[in-house]
Protein backbone atom coordinates (compact mmCIF):
# COMPACT_ATOMS: atom_id res chain seq x y z
CA MET A 1 31.88 5.25 -4.77
CA THR A 2 34.53 4.75 -2.14
CA ASP A 3 35.24 2.05 0.39
CA GLU A 4 34.91 4.59 3.20
CA THR A 5 31.48 6.09 2.68
CA LEU A 6 28.33 5.43 0.69
CA GLN A 7 26.53 8.58 1.76
CA GLY A 8 23.73 9.43 -0.65
CA LYS A 9 23.73 6.05 -2.38
CA ILE A 10 20.53 4.02 -2.63
CA MET A 11 21.05 0.27 -2.37
CA VAL A 12 18.37 -2.40 -2.72
CA VAL A 13 19.10 -5.78 -1.13
CA THR A 14 16.76 -8.73 -1.67
CA GLY A 15 16.63 -11.48 0.93
CA ALA A 16 17.94 -9.01 3.50
CA ASN A 17 16.29 -10.35 6.65
CA SER A 18 18.85 -13.10 7.35
CA GLY A 19 22.20 -14.60 6.39
CA ILE A 20 24.51 -12.79 4.02
CA GLY A 21 21.71 -10.53 2.80
CA LYS A 22 21.26 -9.13 6.28
CA ALA A 23 25.02 -8.91 6.80
CA MET A 24 25.46 -6.98 3.53
CA ALA A 25 22.57 -4.66 4.31
CA ARG A 26 24.02 -3.95 7.76
CA GLU A 27 27.49 -3.22 6.37
CA LEU A 28 26.17 -0.98 3.59
CA ALA A 29 24.00 0.92 6.07
CA GLY A 30 27.01 1.26 8.35
CA ARG A 31 28.85 3.00 5.53
CA GLY A 32 26.04 5.51 5.16
CA ALA A 33 23.99 4.10 2.30
CA ARG A 34 20.24 4.35 2.17
CA VAL A 35 19.27 0.67 2.21
CA VAL A 36 16.00 -0.78 0.98
CA MET A 37 15.42 -4.34 2.15
CA VAL A 38 13.20 -6.63 0.08
CA CYS A 39 11.92 -9.52 2.19
CA ARG A 40 9.16 -12.10 1.97
CA ASN A 41 8.16 -12.19 5.63
CA PRO A 42 7.03 -8.80 6.99
CA ASP A 43 7.61 -9.67 10.65
CA LYS A 44 11.11 -11.07 10.13
CA GLY A 45 11.89 -8.24 7.75
CA GLU A 46 10.86 -5.59 10.25
CA GLU A 47 12.81 -7.27 13.04
CA ALA A 48 15.91 -7.35 10.84
CA ARG A 49 15.38 -3.73 9.79
CA ARG A 50 15.37 -2.59 13.41
CA GLU A 51 18.46 -4.65 14.19
CA ILE A 52 20.30 -3.15 11.21
CA ILE A 53 19.37 0.39 12.25
CA GLU A 54 20.57 -0.26 15.79
CA ALA A 55 23.82 -1.89 14.65
CA SER A 56 24.63 0.68 11.96
CA GLY A 57 23.32 3.85 13.56
CA ASN A 58 21.71 4.63 10.21
CA GLU A 59 17.98 5.37 10.23
CA GLN A 60 17.77 5.24 6.43
CA VAL A 61 16.84 1.56 6.27
CA SER A 62 13.42 0.70 4.88
CA LEU A 63 11.51 -2.48 4.10
CA GLU A 64 9.57 -3.60 1.06
CA VAL A 65 7.64 -6.87 1.34
CA ALA A 66 7.47 -9.20 -1.64
CA ASP A 67 7.39 -12.94 -2.24
CA LEU A 68 9.83 -13.28 -5.12
CA GLY A 69 8.37 -16.65 -6.01
CA SER A 70 5.47 -14.71 -7.56
CA MET A 71 6.22 -12.70 -10.68
CA ASP A 72 3.22 -10.46 -9.92
CA GLN A 73 4.81 -9.56 -6.60
CA VAL A 74 8.14 -8.94 -8.34
CA ARG A 75 6.33 -6.49 -10.62
CA ASP A 76 4.62 -4.83 -7.66
CA VAL A 77 7.82 -4.31 -5.69
CA ALA A 78 9.62 -3.06 -8.80
CA SER A 79 6.88 -0.46 -9.24
CA ARG A 80 7.39 0.72 -5.67
CA LEU A 81 11.17 0.79 -6.05
CA ARG A 82 10.91 2.90 -9.19
CA GLU A 83 9.37 5.61 -7.01
CA LEU A 84 12.83 6.07 -5.47
CA GLY A 85 13.83 7.86 -8.67
CA ARG A 86 17.10 6.02 -8.93
CA VAL A 87 18.83 2.92 -7.56
CA ASP A 88 22.62 2.95 -7.34
CA VAL A 89 23.06 -0.74 -6.54
CA LEU A 90 20.71 -3.69 -6.86
CA LEU A 91 21.88 -6.69 -4.86
CA ASN A 92 19.98 -9.73 -6.11
CA ASN A 93 20.63 -11.93 -3.11
CA ALA A 94 17.37 -13.73 -2.29
CA GLY A 95 17.55 -17.44 -2.94
CA LEU A 96 16.43 -20.80 -1.71
CA TYR A 97 17.25 -24.49 -1.83
CA LEU A 98 14.42 -27.03 -1.74
CA PRO A 99 14.79 -30.78 -1.15
CA GLU A 100 11.55 -31.51 -3.02
CA ARG A 101 10.13 -30.06 -6.22
CA GLN A 102 7.65 -27.25 -5.64
CA VAL A 103 5.80 -25.14 -8.18
CA SER A 104 5.47 -21.36 -8.00
CA PRO A 105 2.15 -19.50 -8.41
CA ASP A 106 3.12 -18.95 -12.05
CA GLY A 107 3.79 -22.64 -12.69
CA PHE A 108 7.59 -22.51 -12.56
CA GLU A 109 9.83 -24.79 -10.53
CA MET A 110 10.23 -22.78 -7.34
CA MET A 111 14.03 -22.61 -7.10
CA PHE A 112 14.22 -21.50 -10.73
CA ALA A 113 11.55 -18.87 -10.08
CA VAL A 114 13.13 -17.36 -6.96
CA ASN A 115 16.81 -17.80 -7.75
CA HIS A 116 16.77 -16.80 -11.43
CA LEU A 117 13.50 -15.50 -12.86
CA ALA A 118 12.86 -13.07 -10.00
CA PRO A 119 16.24 -11.28 -10.25
CA PHE A 120 16.00 -11.40 -14.05
CA LEU A 121 12.60 -9.68 -14.02
CA LEU A 122 13.37 -7.28 -11.17
CA THR A 123 16.53 -6.06 -12.87
CA HIS A 124 14.72 -5.68 -16.19
CA LEU A 125 11.98 -3.60 -14.56
CA LEU A 126 14.52 -1.41 -12.75
CA ARG A 127 16.76 -0.83 -15.76
CA GLU A 128 15.81 2.83 -16.21
CA THR A 129 15.93 3.44 -12.46
CA LEU A 130 19.44 2.00 -12.32
CA ALA A 131 20.50 3.95 -15.40
CA ALA A 132 19.54 7.17 -13.58
CA ALA A 133 22.45 6.61 -11.15
CA ASP A 134 26.00 7.82 -11.76
CA ASP A 135 27.63 4.44 -11.15
CA PRO A 136 24.89 1.80 -11.31
CA ARG A 137 25.71 -1.77 -10.38
CA VAL A 138 23.79 -5.04 -10.40
CA ILE A 139 25.23 -7.73 -8.15
CA THR A 140 23.84 -11.25 -7.98
CA THR A 141 24.62 -13.95 -5.45
CA SER A 142 25.63 -17.04 -7.40
CA SER A 143 27.49 -20.08 -6.09
CA VAL A 144 30.14 -22.67 -6.81
CA GLY A 145 27.01 -24.83 -6.93
CA HIS A 146 26.85 -23.94 -10.63
CA LEU A 147 29.39 -26.72 -11.13
CA PHE A 148 26.91 -29.37 -9.98
CA CYS A 149 24.63 -29.50 -13.00
CA LYS A 150 24.20 -30.33 -16.65
CA PHE A 151 22.50 -27.45 -18.42
CA ASP A 152 19.64 -28.26 -20.80
CA ILE A 153 17.69 -25.21 -21.89
CA GLU A 154 14.75 -27.41 -22.89
CA HIS A 155 14.42 -28.75 -19.35
CA LEU A 156 14.93 -25.79 -17.03
CA GLN A 157 12.00 -26.78 -14.81
CA ALA A 158 13.20 -30.28 -13.88
CA GLU A 159 9.83 -31.76 -14.83
CA ARG A 160 11.20 -35.15 -15.83
CA ARG A 161 13.75 -35.58 -13.07
CA PHE A 162 14.22 -33.46 -9.98
CA ILE A 163 17.54 -33.80 -8.19
CA PRO A 164 17.75 -30.93 -5.70
CA LEU A 165 21.49 -30.30 -5.93
CA GLU A 166 21.42 -30.36 -9.74
CA GLN A 167 18.44 -28.02 -9.98
CA TYR A 168 20.00 -25.64 -7.49
CA GLY A 169 23.11 -25.73 -9.67
CA VAL A 170 21.03 -24.87 -12.74
CA THR A 171 19.73 -21.75 -10.99
CA LYS A 172 23.21 -20.68 -9.91
CA LEU A 173 24.53 -21.24 -13.43
CA ALA A 174 21.60 -19.16 -14.65
CA ASN A 175 22.79 -16.36 -12.34
CA ILE A 176 26.14 -16.32 -14.13
CA PHE A 177 24.55 -16.42 -17.58
CA PHE A 178 22.27 -13.56 -16.53
CA THR A 179 25.22 -11.55 -15.24
CA LYS A 180 27.23 -11.94 -18.42
CA GLU A 181 24.32 -11.15 -20.71
CA ALA A 182 23.15 -8.22 -18.57
CA ALA A 183 26.67 -6.81 -18.73
CA ARG A 184 26.49 -6.94 -22.52
CA ARG A 185 22.93 -5.65 -22.93
CA TYR A 186 23.08 -2.91 -20.29
CA ALA A 187 26.51 -1.55 -21.18
CA SER A 188 24.93 1.26 -23.20
CA ASP A 189 23.18 2.42 -20.00
CA GLY A 190 26.42 2.37 -18.03
CA ILE A 191 25.14 -0.44 -15.81
CA ASN A 192 27.76 -2.89 -14.59
CA ALA A 193 26.72 -6.43 -13.65
CA ASN A 194 28.75 -8.91 -11.63
CA CYS A 195 28.05 -11.98 -9.51
CA PHE A 196 29.83 -13.79 -6.71
CA HIS A 197 30.15 -17.02 -4.74
CA PRO A 198 29.84 -16.30 -1.00
CA GLY A 199 31.42 -19.53 0.20
CA ALA A 200 29.98 -22.06 2.64
CA VAL A 201 28.19 -19.65 4.93
CA GLY A 202 27.22 -20.79 8.42
CA THR A 203 23.49 -20.09 8.16
CA GLY A 204 20.47 -22.35 8.07
CA PHE A 205 20.19 -21.91 4.29
CA ALA A 206 22.63 -24.70 3.43
CA GLN A 207 23.32 -26.42 6.72
CA ASP A 208 19.79 -27.78 6.81
CA GLU A 209 20.64 -29.67 3.61
CA PRO A 210 23.83 -31.66 4.24
CA GLY A 211 24.23 -32.65 0.58
CA LEU A 212 24.35 -29.07 -0.63
CA PHE A 213 26.41 -27.82 2.29
CA ASN A 214 29.00 -30.60 2.00
CA ALA A 215 29.26 -30.21 -1.78
CA ILE A 216 29.91 -26.48 -1.52
CA MET A 217 32.43 -27.10 1.23
CA LYS A 218 34.28 -29.69 -0.87
CA VAL A 219 34.35 -27.83 -4.17
CA GLY A 220 34.75 -24.37 -2.66
CA LYS A 221 37.66 -25.58 -0.51
CA VAL A 222 36.68 -23.24 2.27
CA PHE A 223 35.83 -23.53 5.93
CA ILE A 224 32.46 -22.52 7.29
CA ARG A 225 32.35 -18.74 7.29
CA SER A 226 30.15 -16.21 8.97
CA PRO A 227 27.44 -14.34 7.06
CA GLU A 228 29.61 -11.23 7.40
CA LYS A 229 32.55 -12.98 5.75
CA GLY A 230 30.29 -14.49 3.09
CA GLY A 231 28.91 -11.07 2.23
CA GLU A 232 32.27 -9.31 1.98
CA THR A 233 32.58 -9.85 -1.76
CA GLY A 234 29.06 -8.55 -2.34
CA VAL A 235 29.83 -5.41 -0.35
CA TYR A 236 33.12 -5.04 -2.24
CA LEU A 237 31.30 -5.21 -5.58
CA ALA A 238 28.72 -2.72 -4.34
CA ALA A 239 31.09 -0.20 -2.81
CA SER A 240 34.63 -0.34 -4.16
CA ASP A 241 36.06 1.99 -6.77
CA ARG A 242 38.41 -0.83 -7.73
CA VAL A 243 35.59 -2.56 -9.61
CA LYS A 244 34.02 0.60 -11.00
CA ASP A 245 34.75 -0.45 -14.59
CA VAL A 246 34.49 -4.22 -14.14
CA THR A 247 31.44 -5.98 -15.56
CA GLY A 248 30.30 -9.46 -16.53
CA GLU A 249 32.54 -11.24 -14.03
CA TYR A 250 32.18 -14.01 -11.45
CA PHE A 251 33.94 -13.24 -8.18
CA VAL A 252 35.23 -15.40 -5.35
CA ASP A 253 36.80 -13.72 -2.31
CA LYS A 254 36.94 -10.32 -4.04
CA LYS A 255 38.76 -11.69 -7.08
CA ALA A 256 37.41 -12.36 -10.56
CA LYS A 257 37.55 -16.09 -11.28
CA LYS A 258 36.69 -18.26 -14.24
CA PRO A 259 33.39 -20.08 -13.73
CA SER A 260 32.71 -23.38 -15.49
CA LYS A 261 33.27 -23.75 -19.23
CA THR A 262 29.51 -23.95 -19.72
CA ALA A 263 29.04 -20.69 -17.82
CA ARG A 264 31.36 -18.96 -20.28
CA ASP A 265 29.27 -19.89 -23.35
CA PRO A 266 27.83 -16.62 -24.75
CA GLU A 267 25.30 -18.40 -26.95
CA LEU A 268 23.80 -20.22 -23.98
CA ALA A 269 23.66 -16.92 -22.09
CA ARG A 270 21.74 -15.31 -24.96
CA ALA A 271 19.43 -18.29 -25.29
CA LEU A 272 18.61 -18.34 -21.59
CA TRP A 273 17.96 -14.60 -21.61
CA GLU A 274 15.48 -14.94 -24.46
CA ARG A 275 13.81 -17.96 -22.87
CA SER A 276 13.57 -16.18 -19.51
CA ALA A 277 12.08 -13.08 -21.12
CA ALA A 278 9.41 -15.22 -22.76
CA MET A 279 8.66 -16.97 -19.46
CA VAL A 280 8.02 -13.73 -17.57
CA GLY A 281 6.45 -11.89 -20.48
CA VAL A 282 8.94 -9.13 -21.23
CA SER A 283 10.83 -8.21 -24.37
């Protein structure tokens, strides 16, 4: 891959109808990639798809509809994506923050389902499709929010006590654990896995929740940034030759950074992987 062109590359972006997902999809399409958007809302997804085509001048932008809060729908969209034959880059970007505890159709706490279990399962189901590419990459949108939690693998669902910021932090910490363990497990397939913190992005995602937005602003030590700026590191990880051989890292502003001490615990990463696999019924 080069920074100049992504001609011939197939890139899947989840949560691509708004915010940094849309910005990344638009930039990747502008560089010539074939972009597959995965979105929950078909109308918003189609509107975004048309806007991306118009902005990028690239007609190779398609839409797959899936509610990633449902593991059945994750399986369905994975089956459709496998028909592509190969995927060069999977950008696990879809995520949400909820002020009140909600339960997914499968009985999981909703933020944990969408932010962690969905990308975990989708990546697992696309492993062979990714391995078919010459330079396969898995990129997951994490957050400095991983600093805002205490991790207890026996209480991933926040059944006893639901504090929105803490539970969001658990899911973002899970993204880092997933990245590090995927890097280890998928190395034999040549698949690189990295994650990144986009910063305090000026979209409705966080601004509607002042506690989350202010916490990210304070800890991230950044000003409000545009979706385009927030997505720059994701695009860098997807497109740059400079990270061709980099895997298992957490990036901030295009630089590998140390996440929390907890996030660097390989035993916790293994344990969460095994627990997640059991939850979604894969081995």
